[in-house]
C-alpha atoms as a PDB file:
ATOM      1  CA  MET A   1     -19.869  53.868   1.387  1.00  0.00           C
ATOM      2  CA  ARG A   2     -15.951  55.165   0.916  1.00  0.00           C
ATOM      3  CA  LYS A   3     -16.606  58.306   2.718  1.00  0.00           C
ATOM      4  CA  LEU A   4     -17.945  56.736   5.577  1.00  0.00           C
ATOM      5  CA  CYS A   5     -14.627  53.578   5.551  1.00  0.00           C
ATOM      6  CA  VAL A   6     -12.127  56.862   4.977  1.00  0.00           C
ATOM      7  CA  LEU A   7     -13.568  58.450   8.236  1.00  0.00           C
ATOM      8  CA  LEU A   8     -14.318  55.141   9.963  1.00  0.00           C
ATOM      9  CA  CYS A   9     -10.380  54.616   9.577  1.00  0.00           C
ATOM     10  CA  LEU A  10      -9.259  58.378  10.072  1.00  0.00           C
ATOM     11  CA  LEU A  11     -11.692  58.030  13.771  1.00  0.00           C
ATOM     12  CA  LEU A  12     -10.043  55.025  14.142  1.00  0.00           C
ATOM     13  CA  THR A  13      -6.552  55.615  14.183  1.00  0.00           C
ATOM     14  CA  LEU A  14      -7.014  59.367  15.915  1.00  0.00           C
ATOM     15  CA  SER A  15      -8.723  57.303  18.588  1.00  0.00           C
ATOM     16  CA  GLY A  16      -5.913  55.368  20.036  1.00  0.00           C
ATOM     17  CA  CYS A  17      -6.071  52.486  18.601  1.00  0.00           C
ATOM     18  CA  SER A  18      -2.779  52.826  17.258  1.00  0.00           C
ATOM     19  CA  LYS A  19       0.855  51.583  19.291  1.00  0.00           C
ATOM     20  CA  PRO A  20       0.301  53.356  22.423  1.00  0.00           C
ATOM     21  CA  ALA A  21       3.512  55.989  22.559  1.00  0.00           C
ATOM     22  CA  ALA A  22       6.719  54.507  24.967  1.00  0.00           C
ATOM     23  CA  VAL A  23       6.195  54.661  28.856  1.00  0.00           C
ATOM     24  CA  GLU A  24       9.441  56.142  30.573  1.00  0.00           C
ATOM     25  CA  ILE A  25      10.969  53.577  33.045  1.00  0.00           C
ATOM     26  CA  THR A  26      11.592  54.749  36.269  1.00  0.00           C
ATOM     27  CA  GLY A  27      12.354  51.769  38.344  1.00  0.00           C
ATOM     28  CA  PRO A  28      15.069  49.089  37.708  1.00  0.00           C
ATOM     29  CA  ALA A  29      15.584  48.445  33.879  1.00  0.00           C
ATOM     30  CA  CYS A  30      17.490  46.053  31.395  1.00  0.00           C
ATOM     31  CA  THR A  31      18.345  47.035  27.716  1.00  0.00           C
ATOM     32  CA  ILE A  32      17.569  44.391  25.558  1.00  0.00           C
ATOM     33  CA  SER A  33      18.266  44.083  21.739  1.00  0.00           C
ATOM     34  CA  ILE A  34      17.367  41.211  19.329  1.00  0.00           C
ATOM     35  CA  SER A  35      19.786  40.520  16.185  1.00  0.00           C
ATOM     36  CA  CYS A  36      19.769  38.279  13.447  1.00  0.00           C
ATOM     37  CA  ALA A  37      22.637  40.393  11.416  1.00  0.00           C
ATOM     38  CA  THR A  38      24.401  37.218  10.826  1.00  0.00           C
ATOM     39  CA  ILE A  39      22.226  35.774   8.549  1.00  0.00           C
ATOM     40  CA  LEU A  40      23.754  38.708   6.369  1.00  0.00           C
ATOM     41  CA  ASN A  41      26.597  36.881   6.361  1.00  0.00           C
ATOM     42  CA  ASN A  42      25.193  33.799   5.166  1.00  0.00           C
ATOM     43  CA  PRO A  43      22.875  34.659   2.856  1.00  0.00           C
ATOM     44  CA  GLU A  44      23.311  31.134   1.023  1.00  0.00           C
ATOM     45  CA  LYS A  45      22.531  29.224   3.663  1.00  0.00           C
ATOM     46  CA  LEU A  46      19.182  30.604   4.827  1.00  0.00           C
ATOM     47  CA  ASP A  47      16.084  28.923   3.627  1.00  0.00           C
ATOM     48  CA  SER A  48      15.115  30.773   0.336  1.00  0.00           C
ATOM     49  CA  GLU A  49      11.310  31.251   1.820  1.00  0.00           C
ATOM     50  CA  LYS A  50      12.459  33.718   4.932  1.00  0.00           C
ATOM     51  CA  SER A  51      14.555  36.026   3.061  1.00  0.00           C
ATOM     52  CA  GLU A  52      12.360  38.885   3.084  1.00  0.00           C
ATOM     53  CA  LEU A  53      11.919  38.351   7.403  1.00  0.00           C
ATOM     54  CA  VAL A  54      16.277  39.459   7.772  1.00  0.00           C
ATOM     55  CA  PRO A  55      15.279  43.391   8.342  1.00  0.00           C
ATOM     56  CA  VAL A  56      18.048  45.432   5.752  1.00  0.00           C
ATOM     57  CA  ASP A  57      20.184  46.464   9.051  1.00  0.00           C
ATOM     58  CA  GLY A  58      19.712  43.238  10.971  1.00  0.00           C
ATOM     59  CA  TRP A  59      17.945  43.774  13.829  1.00  0.00           C
ATOM     60  CA  LEU A  60      14.539  42.804  15.139  1.00  0.00           C
ATOM     61  CA  LEU A  61      15.530  45.404  18.046  1.00  0.00           C
ATOM     62  CA  THR A  62      17.569  48.001  18.515  1.00  0.00           C
ATOM     63  CA  GLU A  63      18.721  48.638  22.113  1.00  0.00           C
ATOM     64  CA  THR A  64      15.473  49.047  24.298  1.00  0.00           C
ATOM     65  CA  LYS A  65      14.860  49.760  27.497  1.00  0.00           C
ATOM     66  CA  VAL A  66      12.824  46.918  29.759  1.00  0.00           C
ATOM     67  CA  ALA A  67      11.592  47.295  32.968  1.00  0.00           C
ATOM     68  CA  LEU A  68      13.243  44.474  35.802  1.00  0.00           C
ATOM     69  CA  GLN A  69      10.650  43.074  38.037  1.00  0.00           C
ATOM     70  CA  GLU A  70      11.631  41.041  41.201  1.00  0.00           C
ATOM     71  CA  GLY A  71      12.304  37.689  40.442  1.00  0.00           C
ATOM     72  CA  ASP A  72      12.124  38.333  36.604  1.00  0.00           C
ATOM     73  CA  SER A  73      14.455  35.667  34.466  1.00  0.00           C
ATOM     74  CA  VAL A  74      15.654  37.042  30.780  1.00  0.00           C
ATOM     75  CA  PHE A  75      13.400  34.742  29.404  1.00  0.00           C
ATOM     76  CA  GLU A  76      10.894  36.624  30.898  1.00  0.00           C
ATOM     77  CA  LEU A  77      11.762  40.010  29.782  1.00  0.00           C
ATOM     78  CA  LEU A  78      11.888  38.745  26.656  1.00  0.00           C
ATOM     79  CA  LEU A  79       8.803  37.795  26.258  1.00  0.00           C
ATOM     80  CA  ARG A  80       7.947  41.404  27.307  1.00  0.00           C
ATOM     81  CA  ALA A  81      10.166  42.585  25.289  1.00  0.00           C
ATOM     82  CA  CYS A  82       8.534  40.648  21.801  1.00  0.00           C
ATOM     83  CA  HIS A  83       5.101  41.313  23.185  1.00  0.00           C
ATOM     84  CA  GLU A  84       5.037  45.220  23.572  1.00  0.00           C
ATOM     85  CA  ASN A  85       7.464  45.878  20.462  1.00  0.00           C
ATOM     86  CA  ASP A  86       4.984  43.152  18.532  1.00  0.00           C
ATOM     87  CA  LEU A  87       7.050  40.756  17.717  1.00  0.00           C
ATOM     88  CA  HIS A  88       6.656  37.147  17.260  1.00  0.00           C
ATOM     89  CA  MET A  89       8.314  35.464  19.766  1.00  0.00           C
ATOM     90  CA  GLU A  90       7.967  30.875  20.068  1.00  0.00           C
ATOM     91  CA  TYR A  91       9.224  28.726  22.416  1.00  0.00           C
ATOM     92  CA  VAL A  92       9.120  25.249  24.208  1.00  0.00           C
ATOM     93  CA  ASP A  93       9.427  24.250  27.989  1.00  0.00           C
ATOM     94  CA  THR A  94      11.940  22.211  28.606  1.00  0.00           C
ATOM     95  CA  PRO A  95      11.932  20.237  31.897  1.00  0.00           C
ATOM     96  CA  LEU A  96      15.509  18.373  31.422  1.00  0.00           C
ATOM     97  CA  TYR A  97      17.133  21.978  32.027  1.00  0.00           C
ATOM     98  CA  ASP A  98      14.292  23.479  33.852  1.00  0.00           C
ATOM     99  CA  SER A  99      14.447  25.906  31.056  1.00  0.00           C
ATOM    100  CA  ALA A 100      12.322  28.132  28.353  1.00  0.00           C
ATOM    101  CA  TYR A 101      14.312  27.287  24.985  1.00  0.00           C
ATOM    102  CA  ILE A 102      13.479  29.712  22.399  1.00  0.00           C
ATOM    103  CA  GLU A 103      12.748  28.319  18.588  1.00  0.00           C
ATOM    104  CA  GLY A 104      12.146  31.599  16.603  1.00  0.00           C
ATOM    105  CA  ILE A 105      11.980  35.121  17.299  1.00  0.00           C
ATOM    106  CA  GLY A 106      10.258  37.228  14.354  1.00  0.00           C
ATOM    107  CA  ASN A 107       9.136  33.838  12.666  1.00  0.00           C
ATOM    108  CA  LEU A 108      13.018  33.349  12.121  1.00  0.00           C
ATOM    109  CA  TYR A 109      13.768  29.458  13.472  1.00  0.00           C
ATOM    110  CA  GLU A 110      16.460  27.622  14.997  1.00  0.00           C
ATOM    111  CA  PHE A 111      17.707  25.363  11.544  1.00  0.00           C
ATOM    112  CA  ASP A 112      17.098  27.860   8.901  1.00  0.00           C
ATOM    113  CA  CYS A 113      20.283  28.718   8.293  1.00  0.00           C
ATOM    114  CA  GLY A 114      21.893  25.470   8.475  1.00  0.00           C
ATOM    115  CA  ASN A 115      21.972  22.546  10.663  1.00  0.00           C
ATOM    116  CA  GLU A 116      24.204  25.062  12.918  1.00  0.00           C
ATOM    117  CA  SER A 117      21.994  27.624  13.393  1.00  0.00           C
ATOM    118  CA  GLY A 118      19.472  29.328  16.672  1.00  0.00           C
ATOM    119  CA  TRP A 119      18.980  31.884  18.467  1.00  0.00           C
ATOM    120  CA  MET A 120      21.517  33.000  22.067  1.00  0.00           C
ATOM    121  CA  TYR A 121      21.751  34.883  24.601  1.00  0.00           C
ATOM    122  CA  SER A 122      24.159  37.222  26.584  1.00  0.00           C
ATOM    123  CA  VAL A 123      24.363  39.071  29.529  1.00  0.00           C
ATOM    124  CA  ASN A 124      26.369  41.758  29.256  1.00  0.00           C
ATOM    125  CA  GLY A 125      29.146  40.317  26.850  1.00  0.00           C
ATOM    126  CA  ILE A 126      28.845  36.777  28.170  1.00  0.00           C
ATOM    127  CA  PHE A 127      27.104  33.939  26.952  1.00  0.00           C
ATOM    128  CA  PRO A 128      25.936  32.069  29.873  1.00  0.00           C
ATOM    129  CA  ASN A 129      25.405  28.051  29.569  1.00  0.00           C
ATOM    130  CA  TYR A 130      22.472  27.771  31.146  1.00  0.00           C
ATOM    131  CA  GLY A 131      18.969  28.374  29.769  1.00  0.00           C
ATOM    132  CA  CYS A 132      17.402  31.570  30.203  1.00  0.00           C
ATOM    133  CA  SER A 133      15.225  31.191  32.359  1.00  0.00           C
ATOM    134  CA  GLN A 134      17.651  30.250  34.973  1.00  0.00           C
ATOM    135  CA  HIS A 135      19.516  33.645  34.460  1.00  0.00           C
ATOM    136  CA  LYS A 136      18.629  36.260  37.143  1.00  0.00           C
ATOM    137  CA  PRO A 137      19.323  39.694  35.327  1.00  0.00           C
ATOM    138  CA  GLN A 138      20.036  42.358  37.189  1.00  0.00           C
ATOM    139  CA  ASP A 139      19.356  45.927  37.535  1.00  0.00           C
ATOM    140  CA  GLY A 140      21.525  48.088  34.483  1.00  0.00           C
ATOM    141  CA  ASP A 141      21.798  44.772  32.800  1.00  0.00           C
ATOM    142  CA  VAL A 142      22.345  44.460  28.486  1.00  0.00           C
ATOM    143  CA  ILE A 143      20.836  41.015  27.306  1.00  0.00           C
ATOM    144  CA  ARG A 144      21.808  40.365  23.689  1.00  0.00           C
ATOM    145  CA  TRP A 145      19.789  38.234  21.462  1.00  0.00           C
ATOM    146  CA  VAL A 146      21.424  37.432  18.570  1.00  0.00           C
ATOM    147  CA  TYR A 147      21.175  34.882  15.622  1.00  0.00           C
ATOM    148  CA  THR A 148      23.728  31.969  14.845  1.00  0.00           C
ATOM    149  CA  CYS A 149      24.248  30.523  11.955  1.00  0.00           C
ATOM    150  CA  ASP A 150      27.200  28.781  13.578  1.00  0.00           C
ATOM    151  CA  LEU A 151      27.015  27.397  17.152  1.00  0.00           C
ATOM    152  CA  GLY A 152      28.470  30.889  18.553  1.00  0.00           C
ATOM    153  CA  ARG A 153      31.186  30.929  16.524  1.00  0.00           C
ATOM    154  CA  ASP A 154      29.907  33.296  14.605  1.00  0.00           C
ATOM    155  CA  VAL A 155      29.036  35.744  17.258  1.00  0.00           C
ATOM    156  CA  GLY A 156      31.458  35.343  19.562  1.00  0.00           C
ATOM    157  CA  GLU A 157      30.176  32.466  21.653  1.00  0.00           C
ATOM    158  CA  ARG A 158      33.999  29.940  22.398  1.00  0.00           C
ATOM    159  CA  MET A 159      32.578  26.650  22.606  1.00  0.00           C
ATOM    160  CA  ALA A 160      34.644  24.387  25.221  1.00  0.00           C
ATOM    161  CA  GLU A 161      37.377  22.369  24.141  1.00  0.00           C
END
């Protein structure tokens, strides 16, 4: 029986049930990354049950190219990147802002690291002041999703005075 289990595991591994190899993107694309590195600077704020979810280097997804399709929004690129990299992501549609609101990525959610924590995005180093479903990226854009523990002040965002 044990030999049969080992043989089945070997066959499944060799038959392509593992994650497919990365596909080279030849058309328009954006670079996307997802970081929760600010949590590493604020471990005392983190919900103790979540500490094992934070990678040692803070990266949930290092810089990765994602194909850009006509009409895509930053939200759709995030959704695609998370799906292609087996990364959990949870969102809710917010009709008032006509955009998706990202509640959690990699099982790290808003408020897991204090009352001023949650997910933010930047495009080419700029934090837009509107939802990710509203922003239409261009070929070559660099999109960074970052977890903030301080309403964006710890990730370079400056709030209007």
